[in-house]
C-alpha atoms as a PDB file:
ATOM      1  CA  UNK A   1       0.000   0.000   0.000  1.00  0.00           C
ATOM      2  CA  UNK A   2       1.550   3.299  -1.085  1.00  0.00           C
ATOM      3  CA  UNK A   3       1.819   6.311   1.222  1.00  0.00           C
ATOM      4  CA  UNK A   4      -0.327   8.303  -1.208  1.00  0.00           C
ATOM      5  CA  UNK A   5      -3.223   5.832  -0.809  1.00  0.00           C
ATOM      6  CA  UNK A   6      -2.966   5.912   2.985  1.00  0.00           C
ATOM      7  CA  UNK A   7      -2.740   9.710   3.224  1.00  0.00           C
ATOM      8  CA  UNK A   8      -5.698  10.264   0.902  1.00  0.00           C
ATOM      9  CA  UNK A   9      -7.698   7.574   2.703  1.00  0.00           C
ATOM     10  CA  UNK A  10      -7.242   9.343   6.042  1.00  0.00           C
ATOM     11  CA  UNK A  11      -8.648  12.617   4.684  1.00  0.00           C
ATOM     12  CA  UNK A  12     -11.361  11.111   2.439  1.00  0.00           C
ATOM     13  CA  UNK A  13     -14.185  11.673   4.946  1.00  0.00           C
ATOM     14  CA  UNK A  14     -13.271  15.371   5.043  1.00  0.00           C
ATOM     15  CA  UNK A  15     -13.589  15.816   1.278  1.00  0.00           C
ATOM     16  CA  UNK A  16     -16.023  18.688   0.529  1.00  0.00           C
ATOM     17  CA  UNK A  17     -18.241  16.352  -1.508  1.00  0.00           C
ATOM     18  CA  UNK A  18     -18.147  13.506   1.046  1.00  0.00           C
ATOM     19  CA  UNK A  19     -18.413  15.377   4.361  1.00  0.00           C
ATOM     20  CA  UNK A  20     -21.964  16.715   3.697  1.00  0.00           C
ATOM     21  CA  UNK A  21     -23.147  13.193   2.851  1.00  0.00           C
ATOM     22  CA  UNK A  22     -21.739  11.810   6.097  1.00  0.00           C
ATOM     23  CA  UNK A  23     -23.173  14.671   8.160  1.00  0.00           C
ATOM     24  CA  UNK A  24     -26.645  14.515   6.570  1.00  0.00           C
ATOM     25  CA  UNK A  25     -26.935  10.726   6.811  1.00  0.00           C
ATOM     26  CA  UNK A  26     -25.666  10.731  10.395  1.00  0.00           C
ATOM     27  CA  UNK A  27     -28.295  13.301  11.346  1.00  0.00           C
ATOM     28  CA  UNK A  28     -31.118  11.647   9.388  1.00  0.00           C
ATOM     29  CA  UNK A  29     -30.649   8.228  11.003  1.00  0.00           C
ATOM     30  CA  UNK A  30     -29.432   9.443  14.413  1.00  0.00           C
ATOM     31  CA  UNK A  31     -26.067   7.751  14.065  1.00  0.00           C
ATOM     32  CA  UNK A  32     -23.738   8.882  16.883  1.00  0.00           C
ATOM     33  CA  UNK A  33     -20.376  10.274  15.907  1.00  0.00           C
ATOM     34  CA  UNK A  34     -17.672   7.977  17.263  1.00  0.00           C
ATOM     35  CA  UNK A  35     -13.980   7.300  16.889  1.00  0.00           C
ATOM     36  CA  UNK A  36     -12.184   4.020  16.374  1.00  0.00           C
ATOM     37  CA  UNK A  37     -11.159   4.108  20.052  1.00  0.00           C
ATOM     38  CA  UNK A  38     -14.757   4.123  21.348  1.00  0.00           C
ATOM     39  CA  UNK A  39     -14.990   0.337  21.643  1.00  0.00           C
ATOM     40  CA  UNK A  40     -17.892   0.399  24.113  1.00  0.00           C
ATOM     41  CA  UNK A  41     -19.896   2.733  21.910  1.00  0.00           C
ATOM     42  CA  UNK A  42     -19.091   0.572  18.914  1.00  0.00           C
ATOM     43  CA  UNK A  43     -20.681  -2.452  20.606  1.00  0.00           C
ATOM     44  CA  UNK A  44     -23.799  -0.446  21.382  1.00  0.00           C
ATOM     45  CA  UNK A  45     -23.979   0.907  17.844  1.00  0.00           C
ATOM     46  CA  UNK A  46     -23.719  -2.535  16.250  1.00  0.00           C
ATOM     47  CA  UNK A  47     -26.364  -3.961  18.569  1.00  0.00           C
ATOM     48  CA  UNK A  48     -28.741  -1.049  18.034  1.00  0.00           C
ATOM     49  CA  UNK A  49     -31.518  -2.483  15.855  1.00  0.00           C
ATOM     50  CA  UNK A  50     -33.117   0.933  15.453  1.00  0.00           C
ATOM     51  CA  UNK A  51     -30.556   1.689  12.731  1.00  0.00           C
ATOM     52  CA  UNK A  52     -31.385  -0.116   9.497  1.00  0.00           C
ATOM     53  CA  UNK A  53     -27.962  -0.239   7.891  1.00  0.00           C
ATOM     54  CA  UNK A  54     -29.327  -1.622   4.636  1.00  0.00           C
ATOM     55  CA  UNK A  55     -31.542   1.450   4.303  1.00  0.00           C
ATOM     56  CA  UNK A  56     -28.623   3.670   5.272  1.00  0.00           C
ATOM     57  CA  UNK A  57     -26.483   2.108   2.550  1.00  0.00           C
ATOM     58  CA  UNK A  58     -29.150   2.622  -0.120  1.00  0.00           C
ATOM     59  CA  UNK A  59     -29.454   6.252   0.942  1.00  0.00           C
ATOM     60  CA  UNK A  60     -25.687   6.760   0.808  1.00  0.00           C
ATOM     61  CA  UNK A  61     -25.531   5.106  -2.616  1.00  0.00           C
ATOM     62  CA  UNK A  62     -28.243   7.384  -3.960  1.00  0.00           C
ATOM     63  CA  UNK A  63     -26.442  10.465  -2.644  1.00  0.00           C
ATOM     64  CA  UNK A  64     -23.060   9.351  -4.019  1.00  0.00           C
ATOM     65  CA  UNK A  65     -24.393   8.511  -7.470  1.00  0.00           C
ATOM     66  CA  UNK A  66     -26.273  11.818  -7.726  1.00  0.00           C
ATOM     67  CA  UNK A  67     -23.286  13.940  -6.716  1.00  0.00           C
ATOM     68  CA  UNK A  68     -21.912  14.869 -10.154  1.00  0.00           C
ATOM     69  CA  UNK A  69     -18.654  16.344  -8.884  1.00  0.00           C
ATOM     70  CA  UNK A  70     -17.457  12.922  -7.663  1.00  0.00           C
ATOM     71  CA  UNK A  71     -16.819  11.873 -11.271  1.00  0.00           C
ATOM     72  CA  UNK A  72     -15.452  14.070 -14.059  1.00  0.00           C
ATOM     73  CA  UNK A  73     -17.905  15.181 -16.757  1.00  0.00           C
ATOM     74  CA  UNK A  74     -16.037  13.234 -19.438  1.00  0.00           C
ATOM     75  CA  UNK A  75     -16.225   9.929 -17.560  1.00  0.00           C
ATOM     76  CA  UNK A  76     -19.812  10.588 -16.492  1.00  0.00           C
ATOM     77  CA  UNK A  77     -20.857  10.991 -20.123  1.00  0.00           C
ATOM     78  CA  UNK A  78     -19.188   7.689 -21.021  1.00  0.00           C
ATOM     79  CA  UNK A  79     -20.841   6.013 -18.032  1.00  0.00           C
ATOM     80  CA  UNK A  80     -24.333   7.245 -18.923  1.00  0.00           C
ATOM     81  CA  UNK A  81     -23.877   6.405 -22.610  1.00  0.00           C
ATOM     82  CA  UNK A  82     -22.984   2.770 -21.932  1.00  0.00           C
ATOM     83  CA  UNK A  83     -25.067   2.132 -18.806  1.00  0.00           C
ATOM     84  CA  UNK A  84     -27.347  -0.128 -20.838  1.00  0.00           C
ATOM     85  CA  UNK A  85     -27.353  -3.287 -22.960  1.00  0.00           C
ATOM     86  CA  UNK A  86     -27.999  -1.577 -26.296  1.00  0.00           C
ATOM     87  CA  UNK A  87     -26.251  -3.172 -29.251  1.00  0.00           C
ATOM     88  CA  UNK A  88     -26.666  -0.182 -31.535  1.00  0.00           C
ATOM     89  CA  UNK A  89     -25.927   3.550 -31.149  1.00  0.00           C
ATOM     90  CA  UNK A  90     -28.769   5.747 -29.877  1.00  0.00           C
ATOM     91  CA  UNK A  91     -28.821   7.673 -33.174  1.00  0.00           C
ATOM     92  CA  UNK A  92     -29.993   4.531 -35.002  1.00  0.00           C
ATOM     93  CA  UNK A  93     -33.020   3.904 -32.802  1.00  0.00           C
ATOM     94  CA  UNK A  94     -36.334   4.305 -34.598  1.00  0.00           C
ATOM     95  CA  UNK A  95     -34.502   5.110 -37.825  1.00  0.00           C
ATOM     96  CA  UNK A  96     -35.731   3.219 -40.877  1.00  0.00           C
ATOM     97  CA  UNK A  97     -33.992   5.385 -43.455  1.00  0.00           C
ATOM     98  CA  UNK A  98     -30.482   3.989 -42.866  1.00  0.00           C
ATOM     99  CA  UNK A  99     -29.383   1.399 -45.466  1.00  0.00           C
ATOM    100  CA  UNK A 100     -28.641  -2.035 -44.018  1.00  0.00           C
ATOM    101  CA  UNK A 101     -24.969  -2.015 -45.066  1.00  0.00           C
ATOM    102  CA  UNK A 102     -24.418   1.371 -43.390  1.00  0.00           C
ATOM    103  CA  UNK A 103     -26.390   0.255 -40.329  1.00  0.00           C
ATOM    104  CA  UNK A 104     -24.168  -2.831 -39.974  1.00  0.00           C
ATOM    105  CA  UNK A 105     -21.006  -0.720 -40.198  1.00  0.00           C
ATOM    106  CA  UNK A 106     -22.302   1.649 -37.515  1.00  0.00           C
ATOM    107  CA  UNK A 107     -23.401  -1.202 -35.232  1.00  0.00           C
ATOM    108  CA  UNK A 108     -19.999  -2.911 -35.589  1.00  0.00           C
ATOM    109  CA  UNK A 109     -18.231   0.371 -34.829  1.00  0.00           C
ATOM    110  CA  UNK A 110     -20.478   0.907 -31.802  1.00  0.00           C
ATOM    111  CA  UNK A 111     -19.673  -2.613 -30.534  1.00  0.00           C
ATOM    112  CA  UNK A 112     -15.963  -1.881 -30.952  1.00  0.00           C
ATOM    113  CA  UNK A 113     -16.316   1.383 -29.026  1.00  0.00           C
ATOM    114  CA  UNK A 114     -18.262  -0.344 -26.228  1.00  0.00           C
ATOM    115  CA  UNK A 115     -15.508  -2.946 -25.945  1.00  0.00           C
ATOM    116  CA  UNK A 116     -12.844  -0.266 -25.651  1.00  0.00           C
ATOM    117  CA  UNK A 117     -14.731   1.888 -23.129  1.00  0.00           C
ATOM    118  CA  UNK A 118     -16.362  -0.898 -21.078  1.00  0.00           C
ATOM    119  CA  UNK A 119     -13.431  -1.020 -18.594  1.00  0.00           C
ATOM    120  CA  UNK A 120     -13.988   2.681 -17.841  1.00  0.00           C
ATOM    121  CA  UNK A 121     -17.612   2.020 -16.869  1.00  0.00           C
ATOM    122  CA  UNK A 122     -16.484  -0.947 -14.740  1.00  0.00           C
ATOM    123  CA  UNK A 123     -13.874   1.265 -13.051  1.00  0.00           C
ATOM    124  CA  UNK A 124     -16.534   3.881 -12.224  1.00  0.00           C
ATOM    125  CA  UNK A 125     -18.868   1.211 -10.822  1.00  0.00           C
ATOM    126  CA  UNK A 126     -16.057  -0.107  -8.654  1.00  0.00           C
ATOM    127  CA  UNK A 127     -15.167   3.446  -7.613  1.00  0.00           C
ATOM    128  CA  UNK A 128     -18.763   4.075  -6.488  1.00  0.00           C
ATOM    129  CA  UNK A 129     -18.898   0.776  -4.586  1.00  0.00           C
ATOM    130  CA  UNK A 130     -15.670   1.366  -2.688  1.00  0.00           C
ATOM    131  CA  UNK A 131     -16.589   4.977  -1.947  1.00  0.00           C
ATOM    132  CA  UNK A 132     -19.938   3.864  -0.507  1.00  0.00           C
ATOM    133  CA  UNK A 133     -18.181   1.157   1.538  1.00  0.00           C
ATOM    134  CA  UNK A 134     -15.765   3.722   2.965  1.00  0.00           C
ATOM    135  CA  UNK A 135     -18.584   6.102   3.930  1.00  0.00           C
ATOM    136  CA  UNK A 136     -20.554   3.330   5.646  1.00  0.00           C
ATOM    137  CA  UNK A 137     -17.437   2.178   7.478  1.00  0.00           C
ATOM    138  CA  UNK A 138     -16.797   5.711   8.679  1.00  0.00           C
ATOM    139  CA  UNK A 139     -20.394   6.050   9.882  1.00  0.00           C
ATOM    140  CA  UNK A 140     -20.213   2.723  11.717  1.00  0.00           C
ATOM    141  CA  UNK A 141     -16.709   2.838  13.184  1.00  0.00           C
ATOM    142  CA  UNK A 142     -15.209   6.277  12.668  1.00  0.00           C
ATOM    143  CA  UNK A 143     -12.320   4.646  10.790  1.00  0.00           C
ATOM    144  CA  UNK A 144     -10.688   5.878   7.591  1.00  0.00           C
ATOM    145  CA  UNK A 145      -8.895   3.260   5.524  1.00  0.00           C
ATOM    146  CA  UNK A 146      -6.457   3.759   2.658  1.00  0.00           C
ATOM    147  CA  UNK A 147      -8.117   4.354  -0.686  1.00  0.00           C
ATOM    148  CA  UNK A 148      -7.679   1.617  -3.328  1.00  0.00           C
ATOM    149  CA  UNK A 149      -4.577   1.908  -5.479  1.00  0.00           C
ATOM    150  CA  UNK A 150      -6.906   1.733  -8.485  1.00  0.00           C
ATOM    151  CA  UNK A 151      -8.122   5.244  -7.713  1.00  0.00           C
ATOM    152  CA  UNK A 152      -4.644   6.573  -8.363  1.00  0.00           C
ATOM    153  CA  UNK A 153      -3.954   4.429 -11.399  1.00  0.00           C
ATOM    154  CA  UNK A 154      -5.012   1.182 -13.000  1.00  0.00           C
ATOM    155  CA  UNK A 155      -3.745  -1.497 -15.355  1.00  0.00           C
ATOM    156  CA  UNK A 156      -6.208  -3.753 -17.136  1.00  0.00           C
ATOM    157  CA  UNK A 157      -6.600  -5.946 -20.208  1.00  0.00           C
ATOM    158  CA  UNK A 158      -9.114  -5.160 -22.920  1.00  0.00           C
ATOM    159  CA  UNK A 159      -9.620  -5.933 -26.605  1.00  0.00           C
ATOM    160  CA  UNK A 160      -8.761  -3.629 -29.487  1.00  0.00           C
ATOM    161  CA  UNK A 161      -9.476  -4.643 -33.100  1.00  0.00           C
ATOM    162  CA  UNK A 162      -9.816  -8.224 -31.910  1.00  0.00           C
ATOM    163  CA  UNK A 163      -6.438  -8.293 -30.146  1.00  0.00           C
ATOM    164  CA  UNK A 164      -5.651  -8.416 -26.450  1.00  0.00           C
ATOM    165  CA  UNK A 165      -4.489  -4.994 -25.319  1.00  0.00           C
ATOM    166  CA  UNK A 166      -3.104  -3.803 -21.995  1.00  0.00           C
ATOM    167  CA  UNK A 167      -4.084  -0.322 -20.857  1.00  0.00           C
ATOM    168  CA  UNK A 168      -2.319   1.600 -18.100  1.00  0.00           C
ATOM    169  CA  UNK A 169      -3.852   4.734 -16.562  1.00  0.00           C
ATOM    170  CA  UNK A 170      -2.354   6.951 -13.888  1.00  0.00           C
ATOM    171  CA  UNK A 171      -3.463  10.171 -12.286  1.00  0.00           C
ATOM    172  CA  UNK A 172      -1.381  13.036 -10.973  1.00  0.00           C
ATOM    173  CA  UNK A 173      -1.260  11.493  -7.487  1.00  0.00           C
ATOM    174  CA  UNK A 174      -0.365   8.014  -8.691  1.00  0.00           C
ATOM    175  CA  UNK A 175       3.034   6.377  -8.275  1.00  0.00           C
ATOM    176  CA  UNK A 176       4.566   5.809 -11.746  1.00  0.00           C
ATOM    177  CA  UNK A 177       6.882   3.116 -10.384  1.00  0.00           C
ATOM    178  CA  UNK A 178       3.928   1.179  -8.979  1.00  0.00           C
ATOM    179  CA  UNK A 179       1.961   1.432 -12.236  1.00  0.00           C
ATOM    180  CA  UNK A 180       5.047   0.414 -14.240  1.00  0.00           C
ATOM    181  CA  UNK A 181       5.467  -2.645 -12.039  1.00  0.00           C
ATOM    182  CA  UNK A 182       1.777  -3.554 -12.456  1.00  0.00           C
ATOM    183  CA  UNK A 183       2.062  -3.067 -16.220  1.00  0.00           C
ATOM    184  CA  UNK A 184       5.054  -5.419 -16.497  1.00  0.00           C
ATOM    185  CA  UNK A 185       3.281  -8.046 -14.382  1.00  0.00           C
ATOM    186  CA  UNK A 186       0.109  -7.770 -16.451  1.00  0.00           C
ATOM    187  CA  UNK A 187       2.124  -7.996 -19.676  1.00  0.00           C
ATOM    188  CA  UNK A 188       3.826 -11.197 -18.534  1.00  0.00           C
ATOM    189  CA  UNK A 189       0.522 -12.623 -17.314  1.00  0.00           C
ATOM    190  CA  UNK A 190      -1.152 -11.839 -20.653  1.00  0.00           C
ATOM    191  CA  UNK A 191       1.574 -12.511 -23.200  1.00  0.00           C
ATOM    192  CA  UNK A 192       4.088 -14.687 -21.360  1.00  0.00           C
ATOM    193  CA  UNK A 193       7.835 -14.410 -20.825  1.00  0.00           C
ATOM    194  CA  UNK A 194       9.180 -15.491 -24.206  1.00  0.00           C
ATOM    195  CA  UNK A 195       8.814 -12.251 -26.129  1.00  0.00           C
ATOM    196  CA  UNK A 196      11.438 -12.055 -28.910  1.00  0.00           C
ATOM    197  CA  UNK A 197      13.530  -8.908 -29.145  1.00  0.00           C
ATOM    198  CA  UNK A 198      13.798  -7.536 -32.672  1.00  0.00           C
ATOM    199  CA  UNK A 199      17.072  -5.856 -33.622  1.00  0.00           C
ATOM    200  CA  UNK A 200      18.476  -3.935 -36.599  1.00  0.00           C
ATOM    201  CA  UNK A 201      19.296  -7.149 -38.444  1.00  0.00           C
ATOM    202  CA  UNK A 202      15.653  -8.206 -38.116  1.00  0.00           C
ATOM    203  CA  UNK A 203      14.604  -4.919 -39.708  1.00  0.00           C
ATOM    204  CA  UNK A 204      16.892  -5.628 -42.670  1.00  0.00           C
ATOM    205  CA  UNK A 205      15.751  -9.267 -42.884  1.00  0.00           C
ATOM    206  CA  UNK A 206      12.092  -8.167 -42.946  1.00  0.00           C
ATOM    207  CA  UNK A 207      12.650  -6.750 -46.423  1.00  0.00           C
ATOM    208  CA  UNK A 208      13.743 -10.164 -47.686  1.00  0.00           C
ATOM    209  CA  UNK A 209      10.991 -11.968 -45.775  1.00  0.00           C
ATOM    210  CA  UNK A 210       8.471  -9.766 -47.572  1.00  0.00           C
ATOM    211  CA  UNK A 211       9.968 -10.772 -50.923  1.00  0.00           C
ATOM    212  CA  UNK A 212       9.765 -14.457 -49.993  1.00  0.00           C
ATOM    213  CA  UNK A 213       6.150 -14.125 -48.849  1.00  0.00           C
ATOM    214  CA  UNK A 214       5.403 -12.584 -52.231  1.00  0.00           C
ATOM    215  CA  UNK A 215       6.725 -15.701 -53.944  1.00  0.00           C
ATOM    216  CA  UNK A 216      10.335 -14.801 -54.755  1.00  0.00           C
ATOM    217  CA  UNK A 217      12.884 -17.634 -54.636  1.00  0.00           C
ATOM    218  CA  UNK A 218      15.788 -17.523 -52.195  1.00  0.00           C
ATOM    219  CA  UNK A 219      18.401 -17.442 -55.001  1.00  0.00           C
ATOM    220  CA  UNK A 220      16.727 -14.342 -56.478  1.00  0.00           C
ATOM    221  CA  UNK A 221      16.505 -12.727 -53.058  1.00  0.00           C
ATOM    222  CA  UNK A 222      20.238 -13.254 -52.584  1.00  0.00           C
ATOM    223  CA  UNK A 223      20.854 -11.574 -55.962  1.00  0.00           C
ATOM    224  CA  UNK A 224      19.107  -8.487 -54.605  1.00  0.00           C
ATOM    225  CA  UNK A 225      21.132  -8.796 -51.386  1.00  0.00           C
ATOM    226  CA  UNK A 226      24.348  -8.956 -53.425  1.00  0.00           C
ATOM    227  CA  UNK A 227      23.427  -5.748 -55.244  1.00  0.00           C
ATOM    228  CA  UNK A 228      22.998  -4.009 -51.899  1.00  0.00           C
ATOM    229  CA  UNK A 229      26.098  -5.525 -50.299  1.00  0.00           C
ATOM    230  CA  UNK A 230      28.671  -6.034 -53.094  1.00  0.00           C
ATOM    231  CA  UNK A 231      31.533  -5.854 -50.589  1.00  0.00           C
ATOM    232  CA  UNK A 232      30.516  -9.263 -49.208  1.00  0.00           C
ATOM    233  CA  UNK A 233      31.039 -11.035 -52.579  1.00  0.00           C
ATOM    234  CA  UNK A 234      34.015 -11.617 -54.893  1.00  0.00           C
ATOM    235  CA  UNK A 235      34.155  -9.013 -57.674  1.00  0.00           C
ATOM    236  CA  UNK A 236      33.747 -11.410 -60.615  1.00  0.00           C
ATOM    237  CA  UNK A 237      30.211 -12.809 -60.646  1.00  0.00           C
ATOM    238  CA  UNK A 238      31.113 -15.584 -63.125  1.00  0.00           C
ATOM    239  CA  UNK A 239      33.862 -16.978 -60.899  1.00  0.00           C
ATOM    240  CA  UNK A 240      33.622 -20.152 -58.842  1.00  0.00           C
ATOM    241  CA  UNK A 241      34.414 -18.097 -55.731  1.00  0.00           C
ATOM    242  CA  UNK A 242      31.377 -15.902 -56.366  1.00  0.00           C
ATOM    243  CA  UNK A 243      29.075 -18.883 -56.929  1.00  0.00           C
ATOM    244  CA  UNK A 244      30.415 -20.535 -53.764  1.00  0.00           C
ATOM    245  CA  UNK A 245      29.813 -17.391 -51.710  1.00  0.00           C
ATOM    246  CA  UNK A 246      26.322 -17.012 -53.173  1.00  0.00           C
ATOM    247  CA  UNK A 247      25.377 -20.578 -52.174  1.00  0.00           C
ATOM    248  CA  UNK A 248      26.561 -19.845 -48.622  1.00  0.00           C
ATOM    249  CA  UNK A 249      24.438 -16.685 -48.592  1.00  0.00           C
ATOM    250  CA  UNK A 250      21.398 -18.617 -49.826  1.00  0.00           C
ATOM    251  CA  UNK A 251      21.713 -21.014 -46.883  1.00  0.00           C
ATOM    252  CA  UNK A 252      22.248 -18.238 -44.332  1.00  0.00           C
ATOM    253  CA  UNK A 253      19.474 -16.067 -45.860  1.00  0.00           C
ATOM    254  CA  UNK A 254      17.011 -18.951 -45.649  1.00  0.00           C
ATOM    255  CA  UNK A 255      17.848 -19.414 -41.955  1.00  0.00           C
ATOM    256  CA  UNK A 256      17.607 -15.664 -41.289  1.00  0.00           C
ATOM    257  CA  UNK A 257      14.162 -15.494 -42.871  1.00  0.00           C
ATOM    258  CA  UNK A 258      12.960 -18.584 -40.994  1.00  0.00           C
ATOM    259  CA  UNK A 259      14.163 -17.208 -37.650  1.00  0.00           C
ATOM    260  CA  UNK A 260      12.456 -13.877 -38.231  1.00  0.00           C
ATOM    261  CA  UNK A 261       9.235 -15.551 -39.338  1.00  0.00           C
ATOM    262  CA  UNK A 262       9.291 -17.662 -36.171  1.00  0.00           C
ATOM    263  CA  UNK A 263       9.860 -14.579 -33.996  1.00  0.00           C
ATOM    264  CA  UNK A 264       7.008 -12.718 -35.667  1.00  0.00           C
ATOM    265  CA  UNK A 265       4.696 -15.679 -35.108  1.00  0.00           C
ATOM    266  CA  UNK A 266       5.590 -15.619 -31.399  1.00  0.00           C
ATOM    267  CA  UNK A 267       4.824 -11.908 -31.221  1.00  0.00           C
ATOM    268  CA  UNK A 268       1.430 -12.034 -32.880  1.00  0.00           C
ATOM    269  CA  UNK A 269       0.139 -15.456 -31.932  1.00  0.00           C
ATOM    270  CA  UNK A 270      -3.084 -15.638 -29.909  1.00  0.00           C
ATOM    271  CA  UNK A 271      -2.364 -16.456 -26.261  1.00  0.00           C
END
């Protein structure tokens, strides 16, 4: 648990948007104000059946979710837009003048957008839940716990264009070292340890791999290589020494292309 999370947790109940909720709910349900050290009062409070904590929680939830300043306008718009099970954009509803091919494109694009932004809605839902939990805990015990690290930054896996994608988000108060560590762990968890490292030679080899994938024979690829790197071949192309060197290059080029193709397959394969 980072120091930032603990510090912010200790002052959360004093936040100008949270404090009025705590005060109003405490007054409405006659909940005594206590501290974590009031063990005797805690026992009385928990045994007091006159306080319906389920009702209190519903009230707190309603107040939290209707306090617009607890979530930024941008995120709130995303939340409201996707707080439903619609499979088509709102603009298409009750529209019969949109051609079917255009409608399908728009619906597919909307589904893609929902997939990308769904984690944001889930983060807001989790944010609301934890915030409500913290308020109830403060009302019941007077305690303030550290806020979740996810409020300061988050790392999660989503899908983009059909591919697994890792997203890292961090706010101004987040710890970049902590988020970096979470990102590396999530990357290993999602894609594994055996990620090939591509170097400058791989970049050069990619040109020849492209030629091979387009149907060019290795011997013709090596001819192109020889034109680019004449210093690696004897000067007389009709000599036995030149033909011998070319055969060696054909063998090594074939291996280079195979290695690169294998590395690319490891990078893009579905895990």
